[in-house]
C-alpha atoms as a PDB file:
ATOM      1  CA  MET A   1     105.472 126.792  72.207  1.00  0.00           C
ATOM      2  CA  GLU A   2     108.299 129.089  73.238  1.00  0.00           C
ATOM      3  CA  ALA A   3     105.905 132.030  73.132  1.00  0.00           C
ATOM      4  CA  ALA A   4     103.697 130.060  75.565  1.00  0.00           C
ATOM      5  CA  GLY A   5     106.655 129.974  77.955  1.00  0.00           C
ATOM      6  CA  VAL A   6     108.240 126.572  77.396  1.00  0.00           C
ATOM      7  CA  LYS A   7     111.958 126.249  76.959  1.00  0.00           C
ATOM      8  CA  ILE A   8     112.373 123.565  74.321  1.00  0.00           C
ATOM      9  CA  VAL A   9     115.550 121.585  74.924  1.00  0.00           C
ATOM     10  CA  ASP A  10     115.575 119.521  71.748  1.00  0.00           C
ATOM     11  CA  ALA A  11     113.476 118.350  68.826  1.00  0.00           C
ATOM     12  CA  ASP A  12     112.531 115.129  70.642  1.00  0.00           C
ATOM     13  CA  GLU A  13     110.689 117.140  73.302  1.00  0.00           C
ATOM     14  CA  LEU A  14     108.870 119.102  70.655  1.00  0.00           C
ATOM     15  CA  ILE A  15     107.868 115.888  68.881  1.00  0.00           C
ATOM     16  CA  ALA A  16     106.742 114.341  72.185  1.00  0.00           C
ATOM     17  CA  MET A  17     104.613 117.390  72.922  1.00  0.00           C
ATOM     18  CA  LYS A  18     102.983 117.162  69.520  1.00  0.00           C
ATOM     19  CA  ILE A  19     102.339 113.427  69.891  1.00  0.00           C
ATOM     20  CA  GLN A  20     100.752 113.911  73.337  1.00  0.00           C
ATOM     21  CA  GLY A  21      98.579 116.794  72.198  1.00  0.00           C
ATOM     22  CA  VAL A  22     100.274 119.499  74.243  1.00  0.00           C
ATOM     23  CA  THR A  23      99.132 122.856  72.925  1.00  0.00           C
ATOM     24  CA  PRO A  24     100.193 126.422  73.692  1.00  0.00           C
ATOM     25  CA  ASP A  25      96.737 126.912  75.269  1.00  0.00           C
ATOM     26  CA  TYR A  26      97.345 123.947  77.620  1.00  0.00           C
ATOM     27  CA  ILE A  27     100.716 125.382  78.632  1.00  0.00           C
ATOM     28  CA  LYS A  28      99.258 128.856  79.154  1.00  0.00           C
ATOM     29  CA  ALA A  29      96.466 127.448  81.332  1.00  0.00           C
ATOM     30  CA  ILE A  30      99.038 125.604  83.465  1.00  0.00           C
ATOM     31  CA  HIS A  31     101.166 128.743  83.763  1.00  0.00           C
ATOM     32  CA  ASP A  32      98.095 130.822  84.629  1.00  0.00           C
ATOM     33  CA  LEU A  33      97.676 128.541  87.655  1.00  0.00           C
ATOM     34  CA  GLY A  34     101.135 129.539  88.848  1.00  0.00           C
ATOM     35  CA  LEU A  35     102.962 126.369  87.855  1.00  0.00           C
ATOM     36  CA  GLN A  36     106.144 126.522  85.813  1.00  0.00           C
ATOM     37  CA  PRO A  37     106.732 122.916  84.789  1.00  0.00           C
ATOM     38  CA  THR A  38     109.611 121.866  82.577  1.00  0.00           C
ATOM     39  CA  SER A  39     108.807 120.612  79.107  1.00  0.00           C
ATOM     40  CA  GLU A  40     109.333 117.064  80.375  1.00  0.00           C
ATOM     41  CA  GLU A  41     106.869 117.662  83.231  1.00  0.00           C
ATOM     42  CA  ILE A  42     104.350 119.157  80.815  1.00  0.00           C
ATOM     43  CA  ILE A  43     104.548 116.010  78.713  1.00  0.00           C
ATOM     44  CA  GLY A  44     104.107 113.871  81.849  1.00  0.00           C
ATOM     45  CA  MET A  45     101.117 115.925  82.957  1.00  0.00           C
ATOM     46  CA  LYS A  46      99.473 115.588  79.561  1.00  0.00           C
ATOM     47  CA  ILE A  47     100.168 111.841  79.349  1.00  0.00           C
ATOM     48  CA  GLN A  48      98.573 111.275  82.758  1.00  0.00           C
ATOM     49  CA  GLY A  49      95.569 113.488  82.051  1.00  0.00           C
ATOM     50  CA  VAL A  50      96.396 116.296  84.459  1.00  0.00           C
ATOM     51  CA  THR A  51      94.131 119.081  83.306  1.00  0.00           C
ATOM     52  CA  PRO A  52      93.947 122.674  84.499  1.00  0.00           C
ATOM     53  CA  GLU A  53      90.579 121.748  86.045  1.00  0.00           C
ATOM     54  CA  TYR A  54      92.161 118.865  87.957  1.00  0.00           C
ATOM     55  CA  ILE A  55      94.876 121.190  89.251  1.00  0.00           C
ATOM     56  CA  ARG A  56      92.302 123.776  90.383  1.00  0.00           C
ATOM     57  CA  ASP A  57      90.142 121.132  92.047  1.00  0.00           C
ATOM     58  CA  MET A  58      93.087 119.480  93.815  1.00  0.00           C
ATOM     59  CA  ARG A  59      94.325 122.821  95.077  1.00  0.00           C
ATOM     60  CA  THR A  60      91.008 123.312  96.889  1.00  0.00           C
ATOM     61  CA  VAL A  61      91.729 120.242  99.032  1.00  0.00           C
ATOM     62  CA  ALA A  62      95.490 119.626  98.885  1.00  0.00           C
ATOM     63  CA  GLN A  63      98.114 122.000 100.176  1.00  0.00           C
ATOM     64  CA  ASN A  64      99.681 123.527  97.066  1.00  0.00           C
ATOM     65  CA  PRO A  65     100.729 120.280  95.384  1.00  0.00           C
ATOM     66  CA  SER A  66     103.814 120.286  93.177  1.00  0.00           C
ATOM     67  CA  VAL A  67     103.789 119.138  89.568  1.00  0.00           C
ATOM     68  CA  ASP A  68     105.205 115.737  90.582  1.00  0.00           C
ATOM     69  CA  GLU A  69     102.599 115.386  93.334  1.00  0.00           C
ATOM     70  CA  LEU A  70      99.790 116.271  90.934  1.00  0.00           C
ATOM     71  CA  ILE A  71     101.026 113.686  88.451  1.00  0.00           C
ATOM     72  CA  GLY A  72     101.384 111.073  91.204  1.00  0.00           C
ATOM     73  CA  MET A  73      97.888 111.709  92.515  1.00  0.00           C
ATOM     74  CA  LYS A  74      96.381 111.577  89.041  1.00  0.00           C
ATOM     75  CA  VAL A  75      98.211 108.332  88.221  1.00  0.00           C
ATOM     76  CA  GLN A  76      96.748 106.703  91.331  1.00  0.00           C
ATOM     77  CA  GLY A  77      93.235 107.946  90.650  1.00  0.00           C
ATOM     78  CA  VAL A  78      93.129 110.389  93.557  1.00  0.00           C
ATOM     79  CA  THR A  79      90.153 112.697  93.277  1.00  0.00           C
ATOM     80  CA  PRO A  80      89.393 115.878  95.186  1.00  0.00           C
ATOM     81  CA  GLN A  81      86.437 114.031  96.745  1.00  0.00           C
ATOM     82  CA  TYR A  82      88.773 111.314  98.100  1.00  0.00           C
ATOM     83  CA  VAL A  83      91.022 113.920  99.722  1.00  0.00           C
ATOM     84  CA  ARG A  84      88.040 115.870 101.056  1.00  0.00           C
ATOM     85  CA  GLU A  85      86.576 112.754 102.687  1.00  0.00           C
ATOM     86  CA  LEU A  86      89.907 111.898 104.332  1.00  0.00           C
ATOM     87  CA  ARG A  87      90.219 115.439 105.665  1.00  0.00           C
ATOM     88  CA  GLU A  88      86.641 115.322 106.985  1.00  0.00           C
ATOM     89  CA  LEU A  89      87.716 112.312 109.043  1.00  0.00           C
ATOM     90  CA  GLY A  90      90.330 114.474 110.750  1.00  0.00           C
ATOM     91  CA  LEU A  91      93.336 113.317 108.761  1.00  0.00           C
ATOM     92  CA  GLN A  92      95.840 116.011 107.908  1.00  0.00           C
ATOM     93  CA  VAL A  93      97.481 114.339 104.963  1.00  0.00           C
ATOM     94  CA  GLY A  94      99.934 115.610 102.378  1.00  0.00           C
ATOM     95  CA  ALA A  95     100.207 114.486  98.787  1.00  0.00           C
ATOM     96  CA  ASP A  96     102.662 111.652  99.528  1.00  0.00           C
ATOM     97  CA  GLU A  97     100.437 110.258 102.262  1.00  0.00           C
ATOM     98  CA  ILE A  98      97.370 110.572 100.051  1.00  0.00           C
ATOM     99  CA  VAL A  99      99.089 108.646  97.270  1.00  0.00           C
ATOM    100  CA  GLY A 100     100.325 106.010  99.727  1.00  0.00           C
ATOM    101  CA  MET A 101      96.828 105.506 101.098  1.00  0.00           C
ATOM    102  CA  LYS A 102      95.319 105.274  97.631  1.00  0.00           C
ATOM    103  CA  VAL A 103      97.982 102.795  96.466  1.00  0.00           C
ATOM    104  CA  GLN A 104      97.186 100.503  99.402  1.00  0.00           C
ATOM    105  CA  GLY A 105      93.453 100.671  98.773  1.00  0.00           C
ATOM    106  CA  VAL A 106      92.593 102.737 101.833  1.00  0.00           C
ATOM    107  CA  THR A 107      89.077 104.091 101.513  1.00  0.00           C
ATOM    108  CA  PRO A 108      87.354 106.696 103.659  1.00  0.00           C
ATOM    109  CA  GLU A 109      84.974 103.896 104.724  1.00  0.00           C
ATOM    110  CA  TYR A 110      87.924 101.831 105.997  1.00  0.00           C
ATOM    111  CA  VAL A 111      89.120 104.787 108.078  1.00  0.00           C
ATOM    112  CA  LYS A 112      85.585 105.391 109.421  1.00  0.00           C
ATOM    113  CA  GLU A 113      85.309 101.752 110.477  1.00  0.00           C
ATOM    114  CA  LEU A 114      88.631 101.898 112.337  1.00  0.00           C
ATOM    115  CA  GLN A 115      87.595 105.105 114.063  1.00  0.00           C
ATOM    116  CA  ALA A 116      84.234 103.582 115.001  1.00  0.00           C
ATOM    117  CA  ALA A 117      86.166 100.700 116.590  1.00  0.00           C
ATOM    118  CA  GLY A 118      87.732 103.261 118.904  1.00  0.00           C
ATOM    119  CA  ILE A 119      91.151 103.750 117.387  1.00  0.00           C
ATOM    120  CA  HIS A 120      92.322 106.875 115.635  1.00  0.00           C
ATOM    121  CA  PRO A 121      95.329 106.091 113.495  1.00  0.00           C
ATOM    122  CA  ASP A 122      97.324 108.647 111.557  1.00  0.00           C
ATOM    123  CA  ALA A 123      97.982 108.215 107.826  1.00  0.00           C
ATOM    124  CA  ASP A 124     101.088 106.040 108.278  1.00  0.00           C
ATOM    125  CA  GLU A 125      99.330 103.813 110.795  1.00  0.00           C
ATOM    126  CA  ILE A 126      96.332 103.467 108.500  1.00  0.00           C
ATOM    127  CA  VAL A 127      98.585 102.328 105.671  1.00  0.00           C
ATOM    128  CA  GLY A 128     100.357  99.890 108.016  1.00  0.00           C
ATOM    129  CA  MET A 129      97.034  98.470 109.181  1.00  0.00           C
ATOM    130  CA  LYS A 130      95.754  98.092 105.636  1.00  0.00           C
ATOM    131  CA  VAL A 131      98.976  96.421 104.471  1.00  0.00           C
ATOM    132  CA  GLN A 132      98.794  93.922 107.344  1.00  0.00           C
ATOM    133  CA  GLY A 133      95.111  93.195 106.810  1.00  0.00           C
ATOM    134  CA  VAL A 134      93.890  94.773 110.039  1.00  0.00           C
ATOM    135  CA  THR A 135      90.155  95.351 109.920  1.00  0.00           C
ATOM    136  CA  ALA A 136      87.773  97.036 112.319  1.00  0.00           C
ATOM    137  CA  GLU A 137      86.405  93.560 113.071  1.00  0.00           C
ATOM    138  CA  TYR A 138      89.880  92.379 114.078  1.00  0.00           C
ATOM    139  CA  VAL A 139      90.229  95.367 116.412  1.00  0.00           C
ATOM    140  CA  LYS A 140      86.817  94.608 117.917  1.00  0.00           C
ATOM    141  CA  THR A 141      87.740  90.960 118.512  1.00  0.00           C
ATOM    142  CA  LEU A 142      90.870  92.036 120.402  1.00  0.00           C
ATOM    143  CA  GLN A 143      88.789  94.469 122.424  1.00  0.00           C
ATOM    144  CA  SER A 144      86.139  91.852 123.199  1.00  0.00           C
ATOM    145  CA  ALA A 145      88.938  89.542 124.357  1.00  0.00           C
ATOM    146  CA  GLY A 146      89.801  92.144 126.977  1.00  0.00           C
ATOM    147  CA  PHE A 147      92.465  94.129 125.184  1.00  0.00           C
ATOM    148  CA  LYS A 148      91.172  97.653 125.500  1.00  0.00           C
ATOM    149  CA  ASN A 149      93.020 100.859 124.607  1.00  0.00           C
ATOM    150  CA  LEU A 150      95.490  99.216 122.284  1.00  0.00           C
ATOM    151  CA  SER A 151      97.745 101.466 120.282  1.00  0.00           C
ATOM    152  CA  CYS A 152      97.791 101.142 116.522  1.00  0.00           C
ATOM    153  CA  ASP A 153     101.278  99.643 116.713  1.00  0.00           C
ATOM    154  CA  GLU A 154     100.037  97.009 119.170  1.00  0.00           C
ATOM    155  CA  VAL A 155      97.127  96.102 116.909  1.00  0.00           C
ATOM    156  CA  ILE A 156      99.445  95.814 113.909  1.00  0.00           C
ATOM    157  CA  GLY A 157     101.925  93.781 115.964  1.00  0.00           C
ATOM    158  CA  ALA A 158      99.209  91.399 117.132  1.00  0.00           C
ATOM    159  CA  LYS A 159      98.033  90.889 113.556  1.00  0.00           C
ATOM    160  CA  VAL A 160     101.562  90.350 112.253  1.00  0.00           C
ATOM    161  CA  GLN A 161     102.270  87.845 115.019  1.00  0.00           C
ATOM    162  CA  GLY A 162      99.110  85.880 114.276  1.00  0.00           C
ATOM    163  CA  ILE A 163      97.221  86.652 117.460  1.00  0.00           C
ATOM    164  CA  THR A 164      93.701  85.567 116.619  1.00  0.00           C
ATOM    165  CA  PRO A 165      90.595  85.264 118.782  1.00  0.00           C
ATOM    166  CA  GLU A 166      90.996  81.492 118.493  1.00  0.00           C
ATOM    167  CA  PHE A 167      94.565  81.661 119.795  1.00  0.00           C
ATOM    168  CA  ILE A 168      93.511  83.874 122.700  1.00  0.00           C
ATOM    169  CA  GLU A 169      90.747  81.405 123.591  1.00  0.00           C
ATOM    170  CA  LYS A 170      93.137  78.480 123.315  1.00  0.00           C
ATOM    171  CA  ALA A 171      95.584  80.193 125.693  1.00  0.00           C
ATOM    172  CA  ARG A 172      92.805  80.836 128.199  1.00  0.00           C
ATOM    173  CA  LYS A 173      91.575  77.233 127.994  1.00  0.00           C
ATOM    174  CA  HIS A 174      95.091  76.120 128.886  1.00  0.00           C
ATOM    175  CA  GLY A 175      94.890  78.167 132.070  1.00  0.00           C
ATOM    176  CA  PHE A 176      96.623  81.338 130.960  1.00  0.00           C
ATOM    177  CA  GLN A 177      94.636  84.226 132.377  1.00  0.00           C
ATOM    178  CA  ASN A 178      95.170  87.991 132.501  1.00  0.00           C
ATOM    179  CA  LEU A 179      97.665  87.849 129.685  1.00  0.00           C
ATOM    180  CA  THR A 180      99.109  90.979 128.190  1.00  0.00           C
ATOM    181  CA  LEU A 181      99.486  91.241 124.462  1.00  0.00           C
ATOM    182  CA  ASP A 182     103.254  90.822 124.829  1.00  0.00           C
ATOM    183  CA  LYS A 183     102.769  87.606 126.816  1.00  0.00           C
ATOM    184  CA  LEU A 184     100.356  86.293 124.203  1.00  0.00           C
ATOM    185  CA  ILE A 185     102.900  87.006 121.494  1.00  0.00           C
ATOM    186  CA  GLY A 186     105.520  85.223 123.620  1.00  0.00           C
ATOM    187  CA  LEU A 187     103.257  82.165 123.864  1.00  0.00           C
ATOM    188  CA  LYS A 188     102.711  82.264 120.122  1.00  0.00           C
ATOM    189  CA  HIS A 189     106.461  82.363 119.511  1.00  0.00           C
ATOM    190  CA  ALA A 190     107.068  79.539 121.976  1.00  0.00           C
ATOM    191  CA  ASP A 191     104.612  77.388 120.018  1.00  0.00           C
ATOM    192  CA  ILE A 192     103.475  75.749 123.253  1.00  0.00           C
ATOM    193  CA  PHE A 193     100.098  74.694 121.895  1.00  0.00           C
END
């Protein structure tokens, strides 16, 4: 193991490597890719199934991911195809953003639907929308109610505040016309109807 380039700190690390199936060939392949992980990181990579092939494939789509980023992406099931599809949609995302999107269940299809609805959120906004349950249909209902050119923050705010098509219609039936989103939210907070 030491000949493969790993500094063994104690016997426990050596035992852990043996238990996880870390071999000198595995270490050499990782080193050949330019990574110099600690023995603890090597064990983590092996436990999570980070292979030299996975590293090579991820490097074709991600910007030089670190050992921790590679482990994080692998843990969350991030594939090179997932990253490639996000990038094809115009998203310039780093490893942390990719993991965040994957954790929240963001799919390339979800992003496509939002973009088709006329909004172009960045990675953080996409995660915020997904967390709050914003769908392309929700965006379209706001647009059909007359709220065009909404920012992502406004769409998220409307969703968080419970602005629904039904509420908008109710406000209009009570004589409130030409309302801004802020005024609608104010009515919702006032609990007038």
